[in-house]
Amino acid sequence: MRKPWIVGALLAGLLLGGCGDPASGPEASPPAPAAPGASRSLSSTTHQRPAASPGTPAERPAVLYLGDSLAMENQNVLGQTLRDEVRARYTSAPYSGTTLCDYLEGTTKKSLVPPADKAAALVRSLRPDYVVLQFWGNSWGYTPCMDGITYDKARATYLSRYASDADRLADQIATAGGARRPKIVWVLQGPDPMTPDRVRKVNAVYEKRAAASGDLVADAGKTVSPASGRYTWAEELPCTSYERKHSAYCTRPGRGRTTLHRDDDYLHFCLAPTTSKPKPCPVRSPGILRFAREITRVISDHVH
């Protein structure tokens, strides 16, 4: 860590990124959600996939990526790595500031996700083989479907609500898939320097849900954690062998280290400044590539 935390800068970064710290969210609204479908990846994957025998992944698997601002910034890189590694047909529909309950159907609660982009609706229309779920654990004043439940004020209630919403979302995805139920890939989150135990417990919710339904876990968060501590936050880490071979991703080659976060934003991995309108990250960012490569590895291992 190169400098001490500057609280004002952190709050500004969280506000612009639209993904709030569950313990202490900012006091202003995130950007308004995009029009239905607007946040999807501009790929040719919005058609239905060809039929395949039940339980067998398609030769070119269809992958749907849903999530919050981390998914928003990751979506293009993940799409490219999936196309390169497994020839995937790929669609993404992330919305910044969201959490699991935003993607649920059949609720009267306010949501940052429009009806056409709810998880079950997209599964019915796209018939994906895999649904990748990337959720940091948002719960703050402008994630309205959480009803104001936050980790700092009601930890047991927060975790119980996350477990319940994970169950409901998984069930809705399964029902929407019917005989061709997609595999869900639960993405485990990286360290949170403000409330480190929160991420550990949220990840445990995802792991338990995956085990109960025979789904997959991608521990992308481990790739942005020090070898000495899975839940220890770091602004930079030693370059991986891949990053050393691809020098643009080893940002401090003289020290053999690479930068994961901007020093004004501890949460996001995009090394470009955050903007008022959420969008995919426009610059090479090692943390984003690490997430994308781990998610892709898990899907590739399952396909093959």
Foldseek 3Di string as FASTA:
>chain_A
DPDDADVVLAQVQCQLLQAADLQDHDDDAAFQADDAPPLKDPFPQQAADDDDPFPAADQAFEEEEEEASQCQQLVVLLVVLLCVQRVHRYMYDYYHNEALVLLAPDDPWDHSHDPCRRLLNSCLRHVGQEYEYDYQLHADDHRGVVVRDGCNPCVVVSLVVLLVSLVRSQVSQQVSNDSSRHAYEYEQAAADPVCLVSSVSSNVSVVVSCVVVVHHYQDLNQLQDEPVDRRDADQKDADDPVCVVVVQQQVCVVVRMGGQDDSSYRGHRQPDRRHSDRHHRPDDTNSSNSSSVRVSVRVSVVND
